[in-house]
Amino acid sequence: MVNDEILYIRRRLKKKMDEDRFEHTIGVAYTSVCLAMRYGEDLHKAELAGLLHDCAKCIPDDIKLDKCKRNNIPITKAQEQSPSLLHAKLGAFIAADHYRIKDQDILNAIENHTTGRPAMSLLEKIVFVADYIEPRRNKASNLSKLRQMAFIDIDRTVYEIMDQTLRYLKSKKVPIDSLTKKSCDYYRALCGEKDVENETERN
């Protein structure tokens, strides 16, 4: 049975999000719960983090910037150039301030669901992966492979998603948050993979 906290958050989010964003949010919450079942994470925490991961996504970019500045949320150069990147940091703040989430692991999962970070907790990895593979996602390549891999080796799935994301961002010549690169390097090393792209550039 869905508890009162989950129902309350769902109702609030449905009022604040457009239909597509809300459907994506529900997809991430359910996928997070499925991954939590597989890996032994707390189901309630996984659902909360999944529900709230994009709670700041629909805020206009100029307001995102303003809210981050007013609340002393650090802004990187890439985030200033592309304020949409701030929705994760601002989302963690809103989850704590508006939705009274006190669990730091949940807040970290919200804050790091786009860039990732080195040595993420299991919950952080679950939400990071769920955001990418939830059922309504259909544009990224290799989704079928990643969806299967997510339930076999979550660390390798994190790396594959980060590597694929970096390649896409570089091809589009858009600002890349430095934390994304650091995170990808960390999980590449963890999975024992070589940085083929940089090796090619050096040769």
C-alpha atoms as a PDB file:
ATOM      1  CA  MET A   1       0.000   0.000   0.000  1.00  0.00           C
ATOM      2  CA  VAL A   2       1.318   3.422  -0.946  1.00  0.00           C
ATOM      3  CA  ASN A   3       1.908   5.443   2.198  1.00  0.00           C
ATOM      4  CA  ASP A   4       0.669   8.967   2.845  1.00  0.00           C
ATOM      5  CA  GLU A   5       4.062  10.601   2.234  1.00  0.00           C
ATOM      6  CA  ILE A   6       4.350   9.109  -1.258  1.00  0.00           C
ATOM      7  CA  LEU A   7       0.759  10.069  -2.145  1.00  0.00           C
ATOM      8  CA  TYR A   8       1.283  13.617  -0.882  1.00  0.00           C
ATOM      9  CA  ILE A   9       4.446  14.076  -2.947  1.00  0.00           C
ATOM     10  CA  ARG A  10       2.829  12.582  -6.063  1.00  0.00           C
ATOM     11  CA  ARG A  11      -0.119  14.967  -5.814  1.00  0.00           C
ATOM     12  CA  ARG A  12       2.128  18.012  -5.373  1.00  0.00           C
ATOM     13  CA  LEU A  13       4.392  17.030  -8.246  1.00  0.00           C
ATOM     14  CA  LYS A  14       1.463  16.387 -10.579  1.00  0.00           C
ATOM     15  CA  LYS A  15       0.314  19.988 -10.044  1.00  0.00           C
ATOM     16  CA  LYS A  16       3.776  21.428 -10.667  1.00  0.00           C
ATOM     17  CA  MET A  17       4.924  19.356 -13.662  1.00  0.00           C
ATOM     18  CA  ASP A  18       3.762  19.064 -17.236  1.00  0.00           C
ATOM     19  CA  GLU A  19       2.293  15.682 -18.177  1.00  0.00           C
ATOM     20  CA  ASP A  20       5.417  14.290 -19.876  1.00  0.00           C
ATOM     21  CA  ARG A  21       7.691  15.221 -16.972  1.00  0.00           C
ATOM     22  CA  PHE A  22       5.295  13.707 -14.445  1.00  0.00           C
ATOM     23  CA  GLU A  23       5.038  10.458 -16.411  1.00  0.00           C
ATOM     24  CA  HIS A  24       8.851  10.321 -16.609  1.00  0.00           C
ATOM     25  CA  THR A  25       9.007  10.904 -12.855  1.00  0.00           C
ATOM     26  CA  ILE A  26       6.654   8.018 -12.124  1.00  0.00           C
ATOM     27  CA  GLY A  27       8.712   5.839 -14.463  1.00  0.00           C
ATOM     28  CA  VAL A  28      11.926   6.706 -12.625  1.00  0.00           C
ATOM     29  CA  ALA A  29      10.307   6.052  -9.238  1.00  0.00           C
ATOM     30  CA  TYR A  30       9.063   2.607 -10.296  1.00  0.00           C
ATOM     31  CA  THR A  31      12.351   1.702 -11.993  1.00  0.00           C
ATOM     32  CA  SER A  32      14.250   2.804  -8.890  1.00  0.00           C
ATOM     33  CA  VAL A  33      12.068   0.511  -6.775  1.00  0.00           C
ATOM     34  CA  CYS A  34      12.701  -2.412  -9.150  1.00  0.00           C
ATOM     35  CA  LEU A  35      16.468  -1.852  -8.985  1.00  0.00           C
ATOM     36  CA  ALA A  36      16.242  -1.497  -5.207  1.00  0.00           C
ATOM     37  CA  MET A  37      14.543  -4.910  -5.050  1.00  0.00           C
ATOM     38  CA  ARG A  38      17.352  -6.400  -7.137  1.00  0.00           C
ATOM     39  CA  TYR A  39      20.219  -4.906  -5.138  1.00  0.00           C
ATOM     40  CA  GLY A  40      18.754  -4.875  -1.631  1.00  0.00           C
ATOM     41  CA  GLU A  41      18.284  -1.124  -1.204  1.00  0.00           C
ATOM     42  CA  ASP A  42      15.493   0.396   0.891  1.00  0.00           C
ATOM     43  CA  LEU A  43      12.397   0.479  -1.354  1.00  0.00           C
ATOM     44  CA  HIS A  44      10.840   3.530   0.271  1.00  0.00           C
ATOM     45  CA  LYS A  45      14.019   5.575  -0.073  1.00  0.00           C
ATOM     46  CA  ALA A  46      14.367   4.516  -3.702  1.00  0.00           C
ATOM     47  CA  GLU A  47      10.792   5.556  -4.489  1.00  0.00           C
ATOM     48  CA  LEU A  48      11.167   8.911  -2.728  1.00  0.00           C
ATOM     49  CA  ALA A  49      14.431   9.703  -4.519  1.00  0.00           C
ATOM     50  CA  GLY A  50      12.942   8.668  -7.857  1.00  0.00           C
ATOM     51  CA  LEU A  51       9.841  10.780  -7.334  1.00  0.00           C
ATOM     52  CA  LEU A  52      11.786  13.893  -6.351  1.00  0.00           C
ATOM     53  CA  HIS A  53      14.767  13.628  -8.706  1.00  0.00           C
ATOM     54  CA  ASP A  54      13.292  16.155 -11.183  1.00  0.00           C
ATOM     55  CA  CYS A  55      11.296  18.300  -8.747  1.00  0.00           C
ATOM     56  CA  ALA A  56      13.151  21.429  -9.979  1.00  0.00           C
ATOM     57  CA  LYS A  57      13.213  20.490 -13.675  1.00  0.00           C
ATOM     58  CA  CYS A  58      10.186  22.546 -14.747  1.00  0.00           C
ATOM     59  CA  ILE A  59      11.402  25.750 -13.072  1.00  0.00           C
ATOM     60  CA  PRO A  60      12.489  28.271 -15.759  1.00  0.00           C
ATOM     61  CA  ASP A  61      16.275  28.531 -16.117  1.00  0.00           C
ATOM     62  CA  ASP A  62      16.521  32.161 -15.018  1.00  0.00           C
ATOM     63  CA  ILE A  63      14.602  31.343 -11.839  1.00  0.00           C
ATOM     64  CA  LYS A  64      16.817  28.279 -11.256  1.00  0.00           C
ATOM     65  CA  LEU A  65      19.852  30.556 -11.340  1.00  0.00           C
ATOM     66  CA  ASP A  66      18.241  33.091  -9.054  1.00  0.00           C
ATOM     67  CA  LYS A  67      17.120  30.473  -6.519  1.00  0.00           C
ATOM     68  CA  CYS A  68      20.584  28.897  -6.445  1.00  0.00           C
ATOM     69  CA  LYS A  69      22.250  32.270  -5.879  1.00  0.00           C
ATOM     70  CA  ARG A  70      19.789  33.270  -3.155  1.00  0.00           C
ATOM     71  CA  ASN A  71      20.261  29.971  -1.338  1.00  0.00           C
ATOM     72  CA  ASN A  72      24.060  29.860  -1.700  1.00  0.00           C
ATOM     73  CA  ILE A  73      24.020  26.780  -3.909  1.00  0.00           C
ATOM     74  CA  PRO A  74      27.384  26.542  -5.724  1.00  0.00           C
ATOM     75  CA  ILE A  75      27.214  27.193  -9.470  1.00  0.00           C
ATOM     76  CA  THR A  76      29.935  25.966 -11.826  1.00  0.00           C
ATOM     77  CA  LYS A  77      30.873  27.694 -15.068  1.00  0.00           C
ATOM     78  CA  ALA A  78      29.135  24.987 -17.104  1.00  0.00           C
ATOM     79  CA  GLN A  79      25.985  25.370 -15.005  1.00  0.00           C
ATOM     80  CA  GLU A  80      25.998  29.135 -15.450  1.00  0.00           C
ATOM     81  CA  GLN A  81      26.289  28.667 -19.217  1.00  0.00           C
ATOM     82  CA  SER A  82      23.565  25.998 -19.192  1.00  0.00           C
ATOM     83  CA  PRO A  83      21.294  26.597 -16.153  1.00  0.00           C
ATOM     84  CA  SER A  84      19.190  23.518 -16.908  1.00  0.00           C
ATOM     85  CA  LEU A  85      22.075  21.562 -15.331  1.00  0.00           C
ATOM     86  CA  LEU A  86      21.186  23.195 -12.004  1.00  0.00           C
ATOM     87  CA  HIS A  87      17.916  21.312 -11.646  1.00  0.00           C
ATOM     88  CA  ALA A  88      19.621  18.473  -9.751  1.00  0.00           C
ATOM     89  CA  LYS A  89      21.329  20.672  -7.152  1.00  0.00           C
ATOM     90  CA  LEU A  90      18.261  22.857  -6.781  1.00  0.00           C
ATOM     91  CA  GLY A  91      16.089  19.756  -6.644  1.00  0.00           C
ATOM     92  CA  ALA A  92      18.006  18.454  -3.634  1.00  0.00           C
ATOM     93  CA  PHE A  93      17.510  21.802  -1.906  1.00  0.00           C
ATOM     94  CA  ILE A  94      13.767  21.807  -2.689  1.00  0.00           C
ATOM     95  CA  ALA A  95      13.397  18.197  -1.540  1.00  0.00           C
ATOM     96  CA  ALA A  96      14.855  19.173   1.832  1.00  0.00           C
ATOM     97  CA  ASP A  97      13.202  22.571   2.161  1.00  0.00           C
ATOM     98  CA  HIS A  98       9.741  21.984   0.635  1.00  0.00           C
ATOM     99  CA  TYR A  99       9.225  18.242   1.018  1.00  0.00           C
ATOM    100  CA  ARG A 100      11.023  17.849   4.368  1.00  0.00           C
ATOM    101  CA  ILE A 101      13.372  15.090   3.192  1.00  0.00           C
ATOM    102  CA  LYS A 102      16.084  14.712   5.807  1.00  0.00           C
ATOM    103  CA  ASP A 103      17.828  11.539   4.638  1.00  0.00           C
ATOM    104  CA  GLN A 104      21.157  12.660   3.152  1.00  0.00           C
ATOM    105  CA  ASP A 105      21.421   9.606   0.895  1.00  0.00           C
ATOM    106  CA  ILE A 106      18.116  10.535  -0.776  1.00  0.00           C
ATOM    107  CA  LEU A 107      19.252  14.152  -1.167  1.00  0.00           C
ATOM    108  CA  ASN A 108      22.565  13.002  -2.663  1.00  0.00           C
ATOM    109  CA  ALA A 109      20.725  10.747  -5.111  1.00  0.00           C
ATOM    110  CA  ILE A 110      18.676  13.734  -6.297  1.00  0.00           C
ATOM    111  CA  GLU A 111      21.687  16.049  -6.493  1.00  0.00           C
ATOM    112  CA  ASN A 112      23.859  13.618  -8.445  1.00  0.00           C
ATOM    113  CA  HIS A 113      21.355  12.000 -10.793  1.00  0.00           C
ATOM    114  CA  THR A 114      22.606  13.880 -13.863  1.00  0.00           C
ATOM    115  CA  THR A 115      26.378  14.246 -13.383  1.00  0.00           C
ATOM    116  CA  GLY A 116      26.928  11.314 -11.084  1.00  0.00           C
ATOM    117  CA  ARG A 117      29.972  11.488  -8.829  1.00  0.00           C
ATOM    118  CA  PRO A 118      32.885   9.192  -7.971  1.00  0.00           C
ATOM    119  CA  ALA A 119      32.072   6.489  -5.410  1.00  0.00           C
ATOM    120  CA  MET A 120      28.310   6.947  -5.406  1.00  0.00           C
ATOM    121  CA  SER A 121      26.192   5.109  -2.847  1.00  0.00           C
ATOM    122  CA  LEU A 122      23.966   2.278  -4.049  1.00  0.00           C
ATOM    123  CA  LEU A 123      20.911   4.544  -3.907  1.00  0.00           C
ATOM    124  CA  GLU A 124      22.655   7.230  -5.962  1.00  0.00           C
ATOM    125  CA  LYS A 125      23.590   4.672  -8.618  1.00  0.00           C
ATOM    126  CA  ILE A 126      20.051   3.308  -8.681  1.00  0.00           C
ATOM    127  CA  VAL A 127      18.460   6.711  -9.339  1.00  0.00           C
ATOM    128  CA  PHE A 128      21.175   7.685 -11.831  1.00  0.00           C
ATOM    129  CA  VAL A 129      20.525   4.518 -13.843  1.00  0.00           C
ATOM    130  CA  ALA A 130      16.730   4.599 -13.441  1.00  0.00           C
ATOM    131  CA  ASP A 131      16.609   8.133 -14.851  1.00  0.00           C
ATOM    132  CA  TYR A 132      18.268   6.868 -18.034  1.00  0.00           C
ATOM    133  CA  ILE A 133      16.502   3.536 -18.565  1.00  0.00           C
ATOM    134  CA  GLU A 134      12.930   4.113 -17.329  1.00  0.00           C
ATOM    135  CA  PRO A 135      10.360   2.627 -19.735  1.00  0.00           C
ATOM    136  CA  ARG A 136       9.333   5.872 -21.455  1.00  0.00           C
ATOM    137  CA  ARG A 137      12.887   6.733 -22.491  1.00  0.00           C
ATOM    138  CA  ASN A 138      13.310   5.933 -26.189  1.00  0.00           C
ATOM    139  CA  LYS A 139      15.925   8.246 -27.728  1.00  0.00           C
ATOM    140  CA  ALA A 140      19.250   7.017 -26.338  1.00  0.00           C
ATOM    141  CA  SER A 141      21.108   4.246 -28.130  1.00  0.00           C
ATOM    142  CA  ASN A 142      21.689   0.796 -26.616  1.00  0.00           C
ATOM    143  CA  LEU A 143      18.726   1.146 -24.252  1.00  0.00           C
ATOM    144  CA  SER A 144      17.746  -2.510 -24.525  1.00  0.00           C
ATOM    145  CA  LYS A 145      21.283  -3.583 -23.620  1.00  0.00           C
ATOM    146  CA  LEU A 146      21.515  -1.080 -20.752  1.00  0.00           C
ATOM    147  CA  ARG A 147      18.145  -2.130 -19.334  1.00  0.00           C
ATOM    148  CA  GLN A 148      19.293  -5.729 -19.136  1.00  0.00           C
ATOM    149  CA  MET A 149      22.745  -4.815 -17.813  1.00  0.00           C
ATOM    150  CA  ALA A 150      21.239  -2.648 -15.054  1.00  0.00           C
ATOM    151  CA  PHE A 151      19.963  -5.769 -13.290  1.00  0.00           C
ATOM    152  CA  ILE A 152      23.257  -7.627 -13.687  1.00  0.00           C
ATOM    153  CA  ASP A 153      26.068  -5.126 -13.025  1.00  0.00           C
ATOM    154  CA  ILE A 154      25.028  -1.669 -11.855  1.00  0.00           C
ATOM    155  CA  ASP A 155      28.564  -0.228 -11.784  1.00  0.00           C
ATOM    156  CA  ARG A 156      29.191  -1.136 -15.414  1.00  0.00           C
ATOM    157  CA  THR A 157      25.790   0.277 -16.321  1.00  0.00           C
ATOM    158  CA  VAL A 158      26.708   3.568 -14.608  1.00  0.00           C
ATOM    159  CA  TYR A 159      29.954   3.682 -16.606  1.00  0.00           C
ATOM    160  CA  GLU A 160      28.261   2.858 -19.916  1.00  0.00           C
ATOM    161  CA  ILE A 161      25.665   5.585 -19.374  1.00  0.00           C
ATOM    162  CA  MET A 162      28.307   8.167 -18.426  1.00  0.00           C
ATOM    163  CA  ASP A 163      30.517   7.293 -21.385  1.00  0.00           C
ATOM    164  CA  GLN A 164      27.576   7.425 -23.781  1.00  0.00           C
ATOM    165  CA  THR A 165      26.415  10.755 -22.307  1.00  0.00           C
ATOM    166  CA  LEU A 166      29.868  12.339 -22.603  1.00  0.00           C
ATOM    167  CA  ARG A 167      30.199  11.257 -26.221  1.00  0.00           C
ATOM    168  CA  TYR A 168      26.789  12.747 -26.996  1.00  0.00           C
ATOM    169  CA  LEU A 169      27.548  16.063 -25.251  1.00  0.00           C
ATOM    170  CA  LYS A 170      30.902  16.367 -27.033  1.00  0.00           C
ATOM    171  CA  SER A 171      29.247  15.732 -30.395  1.00  0.00           C
ATOM    172  CA  LYS A 172      26.743  18.516 -29.680  1.00  0.00           C
ATOM    173  CA  LYS A 173      29.513  20.858 -28.415  1.00  0.00           C
ATOM    174  CA  VAL A 174      27.515  21.815 -25.323  1.00  0.00           C
ATOM    175  CA  PRO A 175      28.935  22.678 -21.863  1.00  0.00           C
ATOM    176  CA  ILE A 176      29.998  19.615 -19.875  1.00  0.00           C
ATOM    177  CA  ASP A 177      30.051  19.665 -16.091  1.00  0.00           C
ATOM    178  CA  SER A 178      33.538  18.690 -14.876  1.00  0.00           C
ATOM    179  CA  LEU A 179      31.978  16.311 -12.350  1.00  0.00           C
ATOM    180  CA  THR A 180      30.566  14.220 -15.202  1.00  0.00           C
ATOM    181  CA  LYS A 181      34.067  13.665 -16.598  1.00  0.00           C
ATOM    182  CA  LYS A 182      35.526  12.867 -13.159  1.00  0.00           C
ATOM    183  CA  SER A 183      32.692  10.424 -12.510  1.00  0.00           C
ATOM    184  CA  CYS A 184      33.160   8.707 -15.853  1.00  0.00           C
ATOM    185  CA  ASP A 185      36.920   8.373 -15.221  1.00  0.00           C
ATOM    186  CA  TYR A 186      36.224   6.833 -11.804  1.00  0.00           C
ATOM    187  CA  TYR A 187      33.766   4.234 -13.097  1.00  0.00           C
ATOM    188  CA  ARG A 188      35.915   3.507 -16.153  1.00  0.00           C
ATOM    189  CA  ALA A 189      38.793   2.605 -13.812  1.00  0.00           C
ATOM    190  CA  LEU A 190      36.459   0.655 -11.520  1.00  0.00           C
ATOM    191  CA  CYS A 191      35.247  -1.422 -14.457  1.00  0.00           C
ATOM    192  CA  GLY A 192      38.778  -1.896 -15.794  1.00  0.00           C
ATOM    193  CA  GLU A 193      38.061  -0.131 -19.082  1.00  0.00           C
ATOM    194  CA  LYS A 194      40.578   1.907 -21.104  1.00  0.00           C
ATOM    195  CA  ASP A 195      39.836   5.479 -22.136  1.00  0.00           C
ATOM    196  CA  VAL A 196      39.802   4.646 -25.830  1.00  0.00           C
ATOM    197  CA  GLU A 197      38.804   8.148 -26.914  1.00  0.00           C
ATOM    198  CA  ASN A 198      41.701   9.850 -25.110  1.00  0.00           C
ATOM    199  CA  GLU A 199      44.146   7.169 -26.232  1.00  0.00           C
ATOM    200  CA  THR A 200      43.126   7.906 -29.823  1.00  0.00           C
ATOM    201  CA  GLU A 201      43.587  11.638 -29.294  1.00  0.00           C
ATOM    202  CA  ARG A 202      47.092  11.117 -27.836  1.00  0.00           C
ATOM    203  CA  ASN A 203      48.124   8.889 -30.756  1.00  0.00           C
END
